[in-house]
Amino acid sequence: MAVSANRLELLQIADAVAREKSIDRNIVIDAMADAIQKAAKSRYGAETNIRADINDKTGEIKLQRLLEVVENPDDFTTQIDLETAVQRNPAATIGDFIAEPLPPIDFGRVAAQSAKQVIVQKVRDAEREQQFEEFKDRIGEVINGTVKRVEYGNVIVDLGKGEAIIRRDELIPRETFRYGDRVRAYIYDVRREQRGPQIFLSRTHPQFMAKLFQMEVPEIYDGIIAIKSVARDPGSRAKIAVISSDSAIDPVGACVGMRGSRVQAVVGELQGEKIDIIPWSEDAASFIVNALQPAAVAKVVLDEDSTRIDVVVPDDQLSLAIGRRGQNVRLASQLTGWDIDIMTEEDESTRRQDEFNNNTKAFVDALNVDEMVGQLLASEGFTSVEEVAYVELDEVASIDGFDSETAEELQARAKEFLERHDREMDEERKALGVEDELLSLEGLTLPMLVALGKDDVKTVEDFAGYAADDLVGWNERKDGETTRFAGVLDGHDISRTQAEEMIMQARLAAGWITEEEMAAAATNDEAEAESPADEAVKTINVIEVE
C-alpha cells in the first residue's frame, strides 16, 4: 500500500520529537493519537466514545466509534443493544464494544491548536517521567552541574538533562554561587511532584564528604579501605572513621596522602572544612578515645545498655575534649553513635564519692543497718536494694565481714522493703486513678505508673497517645547549645526502644491498630518503598465491524 506524503510527514515528526526529547517514539505516536481523538470528539460530540489509532509503520490514521453492547441501551451515542450488535458481528456478547469506522476529519484552526497542546503536554509528561526514572537510581551519587540561577539563597543547578536544587540549608555556610559557576553536590533525594521530578542536592550531607574521599583515595574506591561513619559540622569541622582490610595499608595515612595531598583536595572542595581522620575500632572504648582526638583521655566508663559513656580527662584537657561550643564532643558522639559525657578527674572523683554516699544512705535507710554495713555494700558495687534482694546469696555472703546468716538477713530485709515499697506505690497509683489494665503492659512498673498518674495518664488509651519523646525526653539544639527536656519516665531506666514497644502494646490493646497492621508497619520500615505502584490498566474486548 502506498503511503501518502502527509502520513510520512507524521511519522517523521514523531521521529524528530522522540530524538530531540530522548523519549520513546511510540510515546509520541500515542500522544498524536490522543490529540486526534480529542479533536474528533469536538467534531462528533464530547459524549461519543472515540478511539484513534496511528499505524507506526505506515502513518495511517484510523478513527472508530465504540459502542458498548448492553441489554437495554439508554444512550444510543455510546451503547447498542445485543440484537443489533449480533447483526453487525455474530460474535458480539454483553459487555463487548462494537467499533464503527468514522470518516477522517479535517483539522480546523481551533482543533489543530487543541491537538498541539495535547501532544506538547503528553511529550512533556513523558520527558518528566524519563527524567525521574534516570535520576531516582542515582541517589547517593556526586554530580557536577552549572549554576543556572540563585533564588532566595537556593541554588538552581543545570544538570544537562534536568534541573536540580541545592536548598539554602544544604549549602556550606558562607559559600556563594553565581550564574555559570560549576558546582559539585550529592544527590540525596529525587521526588515526583506536580510540576515534575524534583532533584535535591546537598553539599552538607555527611555522605558528600565520604564520596569525595572515595574519588580522591583509590584504596577506598577499590574497597581496601572502608569508611565506617562520618560526622560533619559543615564548613567548620568533620570527623571520618576509616578501617583497612589489608594490615599492610594504614587507612589514616592513605586518606591523608603524600604531604596531605588527598585530604587537602577534599578540604578545598568543602571550603576549608577541617577534617579529623579516625581509625575505626570494634572496641567501643578505643573508638571513642580515638574519636575525641586531639584530646587525651584518662579513663572511660561504658554503659552498653543505654549506649552512654563517661569519659574522664585531665583538667588541662577538658576544653580541648569538649571543643569550641561543644563541637569536638558533639562530632565524636555523632561519629560513634554513643552519648558522651566529658568530665575531669576531679569531677569524676567527686561524683563517685557522691554516688557512694547516696548508695550507703539508701542501704542504711532501707535495710535498717548501721553505716558500716551500708558502706560495705556500696563499696562492693551494689547500687540498689533490688540487687541486694535478688543476687545469689553467696555473692552477698562473700563480702568481707559477712557470713551466710548475715547475707540471709540482709536479703530478707531487702525483700521486705521492696514489698512494702510496692504496696505504697500501688496505693498511690490507685489514689491517682491509674487503672489496673495498665499493669498488663510489659515493662511498666508501679513507680512508673505513679509517674504516669501524676502526668494525668490513667488508662491504656491515655498511654497509647504518648510518643517516645514524651516518656524518655529529648534534646533540642539551638545557637550551638543543646537543651535537655525531661520525659515523664526520666530516671526509671527505660530506653527509647522499650518506650516505643510499650506504646505500640498500648495502641494494640486500645484497638487503635491490629497485629497485622503492626507487623505490616514493621515490614514497611525495613523495605525500600521508593518505586511507585504500577498503574492498573483496564482492558476491554473490542469487536470491529467490517
Protein backbone atom coordinates (compact mmCIF):
# COMPACT_ATOMS: atom_id res chain seq x y z
CA MET A 1 0.00 0.00 0.00
CA ALA A 2 1.37 3.41 -0.94
CA VAL A 3 2.00 5.83 1.92
CA SER A 4 0.89 9.39 1.35
CA ALA A 5 3.19 12.36 1.93
CA ASN A 6 1.09 13.51 4.88
CA ARG A 7 1.38 10.14 6.55
CA LEU A 8 5.14 10.06 6.01
CA GLU A 9 5.39 13.57 7.43
CA LEU A 10 3.50 12.47 10.55
CA LEU A 11 5.99 9.68 11.22
CA GLN A 12 8.95 11.98 10.50
CA ILE A 13 7.64 14.48 13.07
CA ALA A 14 7.25 11.68 15.62
CA ASP A 15 10.83 10.53 14.97
CA ALA A 16 12.19 14.08 15.27
CA VAL A 17 10.39 14.81 18.55
CA ALA A 18 11.46 11.45 20.01
CA ARG A 19 15.11 12.14 19.15
CA GLU A 20 15.03 15.71 20.44
CA LYS A 21 13.41 14.83 23.76
CA SER A 22 15.17 11.45 24.11
CA ILE A 23 11.92 9.60 24.64
CA ASP A 24 10.34 6.53 23.09
CA ARG A 25 8.92 7.09 19.56
CA ASN A 26 5.77 5.13 20.47
CA ILE A 27 5.04 7.62 23.26
CA VAL A 28 4.99 10.45 20.70
CA ILE A 29 2.75 8.46 18.33
CA ASP A 30 0.37 7.67 21.21
CA ALA A 31 0.29 11.37 22.10
CA MET A 32 -0.63 12.19 18.49
CA ALA A 33 -3.40 9.58 18.59
CA ASP A 34 -4.76 11.12 21.81
CA ALA A 35 -4.72 14.56 20.16
CA ILE A 36 -6.60 13.28 17.10
CA GLN A 37 -9.07 11.53 19.39
CA LYS A 38 -9.72 14.79 21.27
CA ALA A 39 -10.20 16.71 18.02
CA ALA A 40 -12.61 14.04 16.76
CA LYS A 41 -14.66 14.31 19.94
CA SER A 42 -15.05 18.03 19.39
CA ARG A 43 -16.37 17.19 15.91
CA TYR A 44 -18.67 14.25 16.75
CA GLY A 45 -19.62 15.26 20.31
CA ALA A 46 -17.81 15.02 23.66
CA GLU A 47 -20.15 12.23 24.83
CA THR A 48 -19.10 9.98 21.91
CA ASN A 49 -16.61 7.24 22.80
CA ILE A 50 -13.98 7.59 20.05
CA ARG A 51 -10.71 5.76 19.58
CA ALA A 52 -7.92 6.91 17.28
CA ASP A 53 -5.09 4.61 16.12
CA ILE A 54 -1.97 5.52 14.16
CA ASN A 55 -0.08 2.77 12.37
CA ASP A 56 3.54 3.23 13.48
CA LYS A 57 4.83 1.85 10.14
CA THR A 58 2.58 3.48 7.55
CA GLY A 59 1.27 6.51 9.43
CA GLU A 60 -2.33 5.58 8.55
CA ILE A 61 -4.90 7.13 10.90
CA LYS A 62 -7.98 5.07 11.82
CA LEU A 63 -10.94 6.64 13.64
CA GLN A 64 -13.57 4.45 15.29
CA ARG A 65 -16.65 4.99 17.42
CA LEU A 66 -17.00 2.45 20.26
CA LEU A 67 -20.49 1.28 21.29
CA GLU A 68 -20.91 -0.88 24.40
CA VAL A 69 -23.17 -3.91 23.97
CA VAL A 70 -25.96 -3.85 26.63
CA GLU A 71 -29.42 -5.38 27.10
CA ASN A 72 -31.39 -2.14 27.22
CA PRO A 73 -29.42 0.87 25.96
CA ASP A 74 -30.37 4.27 27.39
CA ASP A 75 -27.75 6.31 25.49
CA PHE A 76 -27.51 5.41 21.79
CA THR A 77 -24.37 7.54 21.30
CA THR A 78 -22.33 5.18 23.47
CA GLN A 79 -24.43 1.96 23.69
CA ILE A 80 -26.00 -0.60 21.37
CA ASP A 81 -28.49 -3.40 22.06
CA LEU A 82 -27.38 -7.02 21.76
CA GLU A 83 -29.71 -7.86 18.86
CA THR A 84 -28.35 -5.06 16.63
CA ALA A 85 -24.77 -5.85 17.67
CA VAL A 86 -25.16 -9.51 16.69
CA GLN A 87 -26.44 -8.44 13.28
CA ARG A 88 -23.24 -6.50 12.77
CA ASN A 89 -20.99 -9.13 14.27
CA PRO A 90 -22.29 -12.58 15.30
CA ALA A 91 -19.52 -12.91 17.93
CA ALA A 92 -20.79 -9.92 19.97
CA THR A 93 -21.81 -10.52 23.62
CA ILE A 94 -22.91 -8.33 26.54
CA GLY A 95 -20.02 -6.15 27.72
CA ASP A 96 -18.20 -6.14 24.36
CA PHE A 97 -17.61 -2.97 22.37
CA ILE A 98 -18.62 -2.66 18.73
CA ALA A 99 -16.17 -0.50 16.78
CA GLU A 100 -17.68 1.51 13.91
CA PRO A 101 -15.31 3.21 11.43
CA LEU A 102 -15.57 7.01 11.14
CA PRO A 103 -14.52 9.15 8.16
CA PRO A 104 -11.28 11.12 8.57
CA ILE A 105 -11.67 14.70 9.79
CA ASP A 106 -10.13 17.94 8.62
CA PHE A 107 -8.45 19.86 11.44
CA GLY A 108 -9.66 23.42 11.81
CA ARG A 109 -7.53 26.10 13.45
CA VAL A 110 -9.03 25.55 16.91
CA ALA A 111 -8.85 21.76 16.67
CA ALA A 112 -5.24 21.92 15.46
CA GLN A 113 -4.28 24.19 18.34
CA SER A 114 -6.01 21.88 20.82
CA ALA A 115 -4.26 18.87 19.31
CA LYS A 116 -0.91 20.63 19.59
CA GLN A 117 -1.50 21.31 23.29
CA VAL A 118 -2.35 17.66 23.93
CA ILE A 119 0.81 16.47 22.14
CA VAL A 120 3.02 19.00 23.94
CA GLN A 121 1.59 18.02 27.33
CA LYS A 122 1.93 14.29 26.67
CA VAL A 123 5.51 14.69 25.47
CA ARG A 124 6.34 16.88 28.49
CA ASP A 125 4.88 14.26 30.85
CA ALA A 126 6.90 11.53 29.15
CA GLU A 127 10.03 13.66 29.36
CA ARG A 128 9.46 14.24 33.09
CA GLU A 129 8.84 10.54 33.70
CA GLN A 130 12.04 9.62 31.89
CA GLN A 131 13.96 12.23 33.90
CA PHE A 132 12.59 10.78 37.15
CA GLU A 133 13.46 7.23 36.10
CA GLU A 134 17.00 8.30 35.21
CA PHE A 135 17.77 10.17 38.44
CA LYS A 136 15.88 8.08 41.02
CA ASP A 137 18.53 5.37 40.68
CA ARG A 138 21.33 7.90 41.10
CA ILE A 139 20.53 8.84 44.70
CA GLY A 140 23.82 8.66 46.58
CA GLU A 141 25.96 9.86 43.67
CA VAL A 142 28.04 13.02 43.43
CA ILE A 143 27.11 15.02 40.34
CA ASN A 144 28.52 18.05 38.56
CA GLY A 145 26.40 20.85 37.19
CA THR A 146 26.28 24.53 36.28
CA VAL A 147 24.55 27.20 38.33
CA LYS A 148 21.51 28.36 36.36
CA ARG A 149 20.16 30.87 38.85
CA VAL A 150 20.02 31.70 42.56
CA GLU A 151 16.59 32.27 44.14
CA TYR A 152 16.26 33.40 47.77
CA GLY A 153 19.50 31.67 48.67
CA ASN A 154 18.55 28.41 46.90
CA VAL A 155 20.82 27.42 44.01
CA ILE A 156 19.22 26.01 40.84
CA VAL A 157 21.66 23.72 39.05
CA ASP A 158 21.54 22.70 35.37
CA LEU A 159 22.46 19.01 35.08
CA GLY A 160 22.12 18.88 31.29
CA LYS A 161 19.13 16.52 31.28
CA GLY A 162 17.29 18.33 34.01
CA GLU A 163 17.39 20.85 36.81
CA ALA A 164 18.20 20.27 40.47
CA ILE A 165 18.09 22.44 43.55
CA ILE A 166 20.50 22.97 46.41
CA ARG A 167 18.40 24.46 49.18
CA ARG A 168 19.90 27.16 51.34
CA ASP A 169 20.25 24.85 54.35
CA GLU A 170 22.10 22.28 52.19
CA LEU A 171 24.82 24.78 51.25
CA ILE A 172 28.04 25.11 53.23
CA PRO A 173 27.79 28.26 55.38
CA ARG A 174 29.24 31.42 53.83
CA GLU A 175 29.72 29.88 50.37
CA THR A 176 28.17 31.77 47.45
CA PHE A 177 27.47 30.85 43.83
CA ARG A 178 26.84 32.95 40.74
CA TYR A 179 25.35 32.21 37.33
CA GLY A 180 27.64 29.94 35.31
CA ASP A 181 29.66 28.60 38.27
CA ARG A 182 30.49 24.92 38.22
CA VAL A 183 29.18 23.10 41.29
CA ARG A 184 29.61 19.60 42.66
CA ALA A 185 26.98 18.16 45.02
CA TYR A 186 25.46 14.96 46.41
CA ILE A 187 22.06 13.66 45.19
CA TYR A 188 20.17 12.84 48.38
CA ASP A 189 16.56 12.76 47.18
CA VAL A 190 14.50 12.57 43.97
CA ARG A 191 10.75 13.07 44.23
CA ARG A 192 7.76 13.01 41.90
CA GLU A 193 5.88 16.29 42.23
CA GLN A 194 3.06 18.04 40.39
CA ARG A 195 5.40 20.29 38.44
CA GLY A 196 7.70 17.41 37.50
CA PRO A 197 10.50 15.46 39.18
CA GLN A 198 12.43 17.40 41.82
CA ILE A 199 16.10 16.55 42.30
CA PHE A 200 17.55 17.65 45.64
CA LEU A 201 21.28 18.14 46.04
CA SER A 202 23.37 18.71 49.15
CA ARG A 203 26.86 19.93 49.96
CA THR A 204 26.42 19.46 53.72
CA HIS A 205 25.38 15.79 53.73
CA PRO A 206 27.92 13.54 55.55
CA GLN A 207 27.98 11.17 52.58
CA PHE A 208 29.08 14.01 50.29
CA MET A 209 32.40 14.07 52.12
CA ALA A 210 32.59 10.25 52.05
CA LYS A 211 32.07 10.25 48.27
CA LEU A 212 34.75 12.91 47.81
CA PHE A 213 37.24 10.74 49.71
CA GLN A 214 36.23 7.80 47.52
CA MET A 215 37.09 9.89 44.45
CA GLU A 216 40.44 11.00 45.87
CA VAL A 217 41.62 7.78 47.56
CA PRO A 218 41.97 4.77 45.20
CA GLU A 219 42.09 2.35 48.14
CA ILE A 220 38.56 3.40 49.17
CA TYR A 221 37.30 3.06 45.58
CA ASP A 222 38.85 -0.43 45.39
CA GLY A 223 37.28 -1.47 48.70
CA ILE A 224 40.54 -1.97 50.57
CA ILE A 225 39.70 0.89 52.93
CA ALA A 226 36.13 1.29 54.18
CA ILE A 227 34.52 4.45 55.54
CA LYS A 228 32.58 3.31 58.61
CA SER A 229 31.00 6.61 59.68
CA VAL A 230 31.10 10.35 59.07
CA ALA A 231 30.14 13.33 61.23
CA ARG A 232 30.15 16.91 59.96
CA ASP A 233 29.73 20.44 61.17
CA PRO A 234 29.58 21.80 57.59
CA GLY A 235 32.14 24.44 56.75
CA SER A 236 33.86 24.14 60.13
CA ARG A 237 34.99 20.65 61.12
CA ALA A 238 34.37 16.99 60.39
CA LYS A 239 35.42 13.55 61.59
CA ILE A 240 35.58 10.44 59.44
CA ALA A 241 36.22 6.89 60.69
CA VAL A 242 38.10 4.50 58.38
CA ILE A 243 39.37 0.93 58.53
CA SER A 244 41.61 -1.14 56.24
CA SER A 245 41.05 -4.78 55.30
CA ASP A 246 44.78 -5.04 54.48
CA SER A 247 47.02 -4.84 57.56
CA ALA A 248 49.86 -3.55 55.37
CA ILE A 249 47.91 -0.38 54.48
CA ASP A 250 47.47 2.38 57.05
CA PRO A 251 43.91 3.71 56.47
CA VAL A 252 44.62 7.12 58.00
CA GLY A 253 47.85 7.60 56.06
CA ALA A 254 46.21 6.55 52.78
CA CYS A 255 43.41 9.09 53.26
CA VAL A 256 45.85 11.86 54.16
CA GLY A 257 48.07 11.16 51.15
CA MET A 258 51.58 12.34 50.36
CA ARG A 259 52.09 15.62 52.22
CA GLY A 260 48.35 15.76 52.78
CA SER A 261 47.54 15.99 49.07
CA ARG A 262 44.44 13.75 49.19
CA VAL A 263 42.80 15.22 52.26
CA GLN A 264 43.60 18.77 51.07
CA ALA A 265 41.71 18.12 47.83
CA VAL A 266 38.61 17.27 49.90
CA VAL A 267 39.20 20.21 52.25
CA GLY A 268 39.40 22.56 49.25
CA GLU A 269 36.06 21.32 47.88
CA LEU A 270 34.46 21.77 51.33
CA GLN A 271 35.53 25.40 51.71
CA GLY A 272 38.35 24.74 54.18
CA GLU A 273 36.44 22.37 56.48
CA LYS A 274 38.95 20.80 58.91
CA ILE A 275 38.84 17.01 58.79
CA ASP A 276 39.94 14.58 61.53
CA ILE A 277 40.58 11.10 60.10
CA ILE A 278 39.98 8.50 62.83
CA PRO A 279 40.95 4.80 62.80
CA TRP A 280 37.79 2.76 63.40
CA SER A 281 37.81 0.01 66.03
CA GLU A 282 35.33 -2.70 67.02
CA ASP A 283 36.15 -1.92 70.65
CA ALA A 284 33.77 0.93 71.53
CA ALA A 285 36.05 2.38 74.22
CA SER A 286 39.08 2.54 71.89
CA PHE A 287 36.99 4.01 69.07
CA ILE A 288 35.56 6.74 71.32
CA VAL A 289 39.02 7.60 72.66
CA ASN A 290 40.25 7.93 69.06
CA ALA A 291 37.20 10.00 68.10
CA LEU A 292 37.93 12.55 70.84
CA GLN A 293 41.33 13.38 69.35
CA PRO A 294 43.28 15.59 69.79
CA ALA A 295 42.27 15.43 73.49
CA ALA A 296 43.99 12.90 75.75
CA VAL A 297 41.67 10.57 77.70
CA ALA A 298 42.48 9.19 81.16
CA LYS A 299 39.59 6.75 81.64
CA VAL A 300 36.26 5.68 80.14
CA VAL A 301 33.23 4.02 81.75
CA LEU A 302 30.73 2.42 79.36
CA ASP A 303 27.03 1.77 79.90
CA GLU A 304 26.22 -0.52 76.98
CA ASP A 305 22.50 -0.78 77.79
CA SER A 306 21.92 2.94 77.21
CA THR A 307 24.89 3.40 74.78
CA ARG A 308 26.28 6.05 77.08
CA ILE A 309 29.91 6.57 78.07
CA ASP A 310 31.58 8.68 80.73
CA VAL A 311 34.96 9.98 79.58
CA VAL A 312 37.42 11.22 82.18
CA VAL A 313 40.13 13.63 81.01
CA PRO A 314 42.89 15.54 82.82
CA ASP A 315 41.90 19.03 83.96
CA ASP A 316 44.02 20.72 81.28
CA GLN A 317 42.38 18.61 78.52
CA LEU A 318 38.74 19.41 79.33
CA SER A 319 38.29 22.38 76.98
CA LEU A 320 40.14 20.53 74.20
CA ALA A 321 37.94 17.43 74.60
CA ILE A 322 34.72 19.44 74.59
CA GLY A 323 35.82 21.79 71.80
CA ARG A 324 34.53 25.24 70.92
CA ARG A 325 30.79 25.30 71.67
CA GLY A 326 30.93 21.56 72.30
CA GLN A 327 31.92 20.84 68.71
CA ASN A 328 34.53 18.13 69.36
CA VAL A 329 32.43 16.00 71.71
CA ARG A 330 29.32 16.52 69.57
CA LEU A 331 31.06 15.26 66.41
CA ALA A 332 32.60 12.35 68.34
CA SER A 333 29.14 11.41 69.59
CA GLN A 334 27.69 11.53 66.06
CA LEU A 335 30.62 9.51 64.71
CA THR A 336 30.42 6.73 67.30
CA GLY A 337 26.68 6.68 68.00
CA TRP A 338 27.30 6.93 71.76
CA ASP A 339 26.17 9.64 74.19
CA ILE A 340 29.42 11.01 75.61
CA ASP A 341 29.70 12.74 78.97
CA ILE A 342 33.02 14.54 79.48
CA MET A 343 34.34 15.20 82.99
CA THR A 344 37.63 15.98 84.69
CA GLU A 345 39.36 13.58 87.07
CA GLU A 346 38.36 15.81 89.98
CA ASP A 347 34.71 15.87 88.85
CA GLU A 348 34.73 12.10 88.47
CA SER A 349 36.18 11.62 91.94
CA THR A 350 33.54 13.93 93.42
CA ARG A 351 30.73 12.17 91.56
CA ARG A 352 31.89 8.73 92.63
CA GLN A 353 32.07 9.89 96.25
CA ASP A 354 28.55 11.35 95.99
CA GLU A 355 27.24 8.10 94.49
CA PHE A 356 28.95 6.11 97.25
CA ASN A 357 27.40 8.30 99.95
CA ASN A 358 23.94 8.19 98.35
CA ASN A 359 24.04 4.40 97.97
CA THR A 360 25.26 3.99 101.55
CA LYS A 361 22.42 6.14 102.86
CA ALA A 362 19.87 4.25 100.76
CA PHE A 363 21.04 0.90 102.18
CA VAL A 364 21.05 2.23 105.76
CA ASP A 365 17.50 3.57 105.43
CA ALA A 366 16.02 0.64 103.50
CA LEU A 367 17.70 -2.26 105.33
CA ASN A 368 17.81 -0.70 108.80
CA VAL A 369 21.56 -1.39 109.17
CA ASP A 370 24.42 0.69 110.51
CA GLU A 371 26.56 2.87 108.25
CA MET A 372 29.44 0.40 108.12
CA VAL A 373 27.24 -2.30 106.57
CA GLY A 374 25.86 0.22 104.07
CA GLN A 375 29.40 1.27 103.12
CA LEU A 376 30.46 -2.36 102.64
CA LEU A 377 27.56 -2.99 100.26
CA ALA A 378 28.24 0.23 98.33
CA SER A 379 31.97 -0.45 98.08
CA GLU A 380 31.26 -3.92 96.65
CA GLY A 381 29.39 -2.32 93.74
CA PHE A 382 25.77 -2.75 94.87
CA THR A 383 23.75 0.22 93.63
CA SER A 384 20.17 -0.65 94.59
CA VAL A 385 18.13 -2.59 97.11
CA GLU A 386 16.85 -4.79 94.25
CA GLU A 387 20.40 -6.03 93.62
CA VAL A 388 20.82 -7.00 97.27
CA ALA A 389 17.45 -8.79 97.30
CA TYR A 390 17.80 -10.86 94.16
CA VAL A 391 21.52 -11.64 93.63
CA GLU A 392 22.85 -15.07 94.55
CA LEU A 393 23.15 -15.47 98.32
CA ASP A 394 26.83 -16.43 98.01
CA GLU A 395 27.58 -13.09 96.38
CA VAL A 396 26.43 -11.22 99.50
CA ALA A 397 27.97 -13.74 101.89
CA SER A 398 31.38 -13.41 100.16
CA ILE A 399 31.74 -9.78 101.32
CA ASP A 400 34.44 -9.43 104.00
CA GLY A 401 32.82 -9.43 107.44
CA PHE A 402 29.61 -11.11 106.24
CA ASP A 403 28.56 -14.74 106.65
CA SER A 404 25.66 -16.72 105.22
CA GLU A 405 23.42 -15.88 108.18
CA THR A 406 24.08 -12.13 107.72
CA ALA A 407 23.50 -12.42 103.97
CA GLU A 408 20.14 -14.18 104.52
CA GLU A 409 19.04 -11.48 106.96
CA LEU A 410 20.05 -8.68 104.55
CA GLN A 411 18.17 -10.30 101.67
CA ALA A 412 15.09 -10.85 103.82
CA ARG A 413 15.12 -7.18 104.88
CA ALA A 414 15.65 -6.08 101.26
CA LYS A 415 12.69 -8.15 100.02
CA GLU A 416 10.51 -6.90 102.89
CA PHE A 417 11.42 -3.29 102.00
CA LEU A 418 10.61 -3.84 98.31
CA GLU A 419 7.25 -5.45 99.12
CA ARG A 420 6.38 -2.55 101.42
CA HIS A 421 7.50 -0.06 98.78
CA ASP A 422 5.36 -1.81 96.14
CA ARG A 423 2.31 -1.66 98.40
CA GLU A 424 2.83 2.05 98.94
CA MET A 425 3.31 2.64 95.21
CA ASP A 426 0.18 0.61 94.41
CA GLU A 427 -1.87 2.60 96.90
CA GLU A 428 -0.59 5.85 95.42
CA ARG A 429 -1.32 4.54 91.93
CA LYS A 430 -4.93 3.78 92.90
CA ALA A 431 -5.30 7.15 94.62
CA LEU A 432 -4.21 8.82 91.36
CA GLY A 433 -6.88 6.87 89.47
CA VAL A 434 -4.49 4.84 87.27
CA GLU A 435 -6.41 1.80 86.01
CA ASP A 436 -5.29 -1.81 86.67
CA GLU A 437 -5.23 -2.53 82.91
CA LEU A 438 -2.01 -0.53 82.55
CA LEU A 439 -0.27 -3.14 84.72
CA SER A 440 -0.73 -5.64 81.87
CA LEU A 441 1.65 -3.69 79.63
CA GLU A 442 5.00 -5.45 79.72
CA GLY A 443 7.78 -3.22 81.10
CA LEU A 444 5.64 -0.84 83.16
CA THR A 445 6.40 -0.91 86.90
CA LEU A 446 4.41 0.51 89.81
CA PRO A 447 6.74 3.53 90.23
CA MET A 448 6.32 4.21 86.50
CA LEU A 449 2.53 4.05 86.87
CA VAL A 450 2.69 6.59 89.69
CA ALA A 451 4.75 8.90 87.47
CA LEU A 452 2.18 8.43 84.67
CA GLY A 453 -0.67 9.17 87.07
CA LYS A 454 0.99 12.42 88.08
CA ASP A 455 1.04 13.29 84.37
CA ASP A 456 -2.75 12.65 84.28
CA VAL A 457 -2.42 9.38 82.32
CA LYS A 458 -4.87 6.87 83.78
CA THR A 459 -5.97 4.48 81.02
CA VAL A 460 -4.41 2.39 78.27
CA GLU A 461 -5.85 4.83 75.72
CA ASP A 462 -4.19 7.75 77.52
CA PHE A 463 -0.87 5.92 77.41
CA ALA A 464 -1.36 4.99 73.73
CA GLY A 465 -1.40 8.71 72.91
CA TYR A 466 2.20 9.13 74.07
CA ALA A 467 5.21 9.46 71.78
CA ALA A 468 8.58 8.00 72.81
CA ASP A 469 9.95 11.51 73.42
CA ASP A 470 7.19 12.12 75.98
CA LEU A 471 8.46 9.18 78.03
CA VAL A 472 12.25 9.35 77.75
CA GLY A 473 12.76 13.04 76.94
CA TRP A 474 14.52 14.70 74.04
CA ASN A 475 17.29 17.15 73.16
CA GLU A 476 16.94 20.36 71.19
CA ARG A 477 19.87 22.24 69.73
CA LYS A 478 19.73 26.00 69.26
CA ASP A 479 22.50 28.55 68.72
CA GLY A 480 25.15 25.90 69.33
CA GLU A 481 23.69 24.91 72.72
CA THR A 482 21.89 21.65 73.48
CA THR A 483 18.91 21.78 75.83
CA ARG A 484 17.62 18.62 77.51
CA PHE A 485 13.85 18.24 78.00
CA ALA A 486 12.88 15.63 80.59
CA GLY A 487 10.41 12.83 79.85
CA VAL A 488 7.67 11.52 82.15
CA LEU A 489 9.72 8.38 82.92
CA ASP A 490 13.12 10.06 83.29
CA GLY A 491 15.11 8.27 85.99
CA HIS A 492 13.25 4.96 85.53
CA ASP A 493 15.97 3.25 83.46
CA ILE A 494 13.97 2.88 80.25
CA SER A 495 15.41 3.07 76.73
CA ARG A 496 13.75 4.70 73.72
CA THR A 497 13.26 1.27 72.10
CA GLN A 498 11.49 -0.04 75.21
CA ALA A 499 9.30 3.08 75.32
CA GLU A 500 8.26 2.59 71.67
CA GLU A 501 7.45 -1.09 72.29
CA MET A 502 5.25 -0.24 75.30
CA ILE A 503 3.40 2.46 73.34
CA MET A 504 2.72 0.01 70.50
CA GLN A 505 1.43 -2.54 73.05
CA ALA A 506 -0.96 0.10 74.41
CA ARG A 507 -2.20 1.03 70.92
CA LEU A 508 -2.79 -2.65 70.18
CA ALA A 509 -4.66 -3.12 73.48
CA ALA A 510 -6.71 0.05 72.86
CA GLY A 511 -7.74 -1.22 69.42
CA TRP A 512 -6.04 1.65 67.56
CA ILE A 513 -4.13 -0.86 65.43
CA THR A 514 -4.28 -4.58 64.71
CA GLU A 515 -1.49 -7.13 64.98
CA GLU A 516 -1.47 -7.36 61.16
CA GLU A 517 -1.07 -3.59 60.83
CA MET A 518 1.71 -3.59 63.40
CA ALA A 519 3.53 -6.36 61.53
CA ALA A 520 2.98 -4.57 58.21
CA ALA A 521 4.34 -1.31 59.64
CA ALA A 522 7.47 -3.11 60.82
CA THR A 523 7.92 -4.65 57.38
CA ASN A 524 7.43 -1.30 55.63
CA ASP A 525 10.07 0.33 57.82
CA GLU A 526 12.62 -2.20 56.61
CA ALA A 527 11.60 -2.27 52.96
CA GLU A 528 12.54 0.42 50.47
CA ALA A 529 9.35 1.92 49.09
CA GLU A 530 10.77 4.31 46.53
CA SER A 531 9.30 2.88 43.34
CA PRO A 532 5.71 3.95 42.52
CA ALA A 533 2.92 1.41 42.34
CA ASP A 534 2.18 0.12 38.87
CA GLU A 535 -0.87 1.76 37.39
CA ALA A 536 -3.80 -0.58 36.74
CA VAL A 537 -4.64 -0.93 33.08
CA LYS A 538 -8.25 -1.57 32.12
CA THR A 539 -8.68 -3.80 29.08
CA ILE A 540 -11.83 -4.10 27.02
CA ASN A 541 -12.86 -6.53 24.31
CA VAL A 542 -13.40 -4.58 21.08
CA ILE A 543 -15.08 -6.21 18.06
CA GLU A 544 -14.67 -4.35 14.81
CA VAL A 545 -17.41 -4.10 12.20
CA GLU A 546 -16.27 -4.71 8.67
